[in-house]
Amino acid sequence: LLILFPFFYLTSSILHLTSFLYSYPPGWSDDIVGGQVNTS
């Protein structure tokens, strides 16, 4: 179980990250990226 824990944590974090990115509506992601580019 201790050996499988890092693998489970890694896969769950990757799945959470991808689902978090894909959950954004296209308009929101464009506004966030556009805002970062404009401010910098």
Protein backbone atom coordinates (compact mmCIF):
# COMPACT_ATOMS: atom_id res chain seq x y z
CA LEU A 1 0.00 0.00 0.00
CA LEU A 2 2.86 2.38 0.75
CA ILE A 3 4.38 1.47 -2.62
CA LEU A 4 1.14 2.11 -4.51
CA PHE A 5 0.37 5.36 -2.72
CA PRO A 6 2.72 7.62 -4.78
CA PHE A 7 1.36 6.09 -8.00
CA PHE A 8 -2.24 6.63 -6.88
CA TYR A 9 -1.47 10.19 -5.79
CA LEU A 10 0.25 10.98 -9.09
CA THR A 11 -2.54 9.58 -11.26
CA SER A 12 -5.27 11.23 -9.16
CA SER A 13 -3.48 14.58 -9.28
CA ILE A 14 -3.07 14.32 -13.06
CA LEU A 15 -6.73 13.39 -13.52
CA HIS A 16 -7.77 16.26 -11.25
CA LEU A 17 -5.57 18.70 -13.16
CA THR A 18 -6.84 17.62 -16.59
CA SER A 19 -10.48 17.66 -15.46
CA PHE A 20 -9.88 21.11 -13.91
CA LEU A 21 -8.44 22.44 -17.18
CA TYR A 22 -11.17 20.90 -19.35
CA SER A 23 -13.92 22.14 -17.01
CA TYR A 24 -13.14 25.74 -18.05
CA PRO A 25 -15.46 27.24 -20.66
CA PRO A 26 -13.47 28.43 -23.73
CA GLY A 27 -14.34 32.06 -22.99
CA TRP A 28 -12.97 31.88 -19.45
CA SER A 29 -9.65 30.36 -20.51
CA ASP A 30 -9.30 32.96 -23.29
CA ASP A 31 -10.01 35.80 -20.85
CA ILE A 32 -7.52 34.43 -18.29
CA VAL A 33 -4.75 33.93 -20.87
CA GLY A 34 -5.53 37.27 -22.53
CA GLY A 35 -5.46 39.05 -19.18
CA GLN A 36 -2.11 37.53 -18.26
CA VAL A 37 -0.64 38.50 -21.64
CA ASN A 38 -2.03 42.03 -21.48
CA THR A 39 -0.86 42.69 -17.91
CA SER A 40 2.63 41.34 -18.60
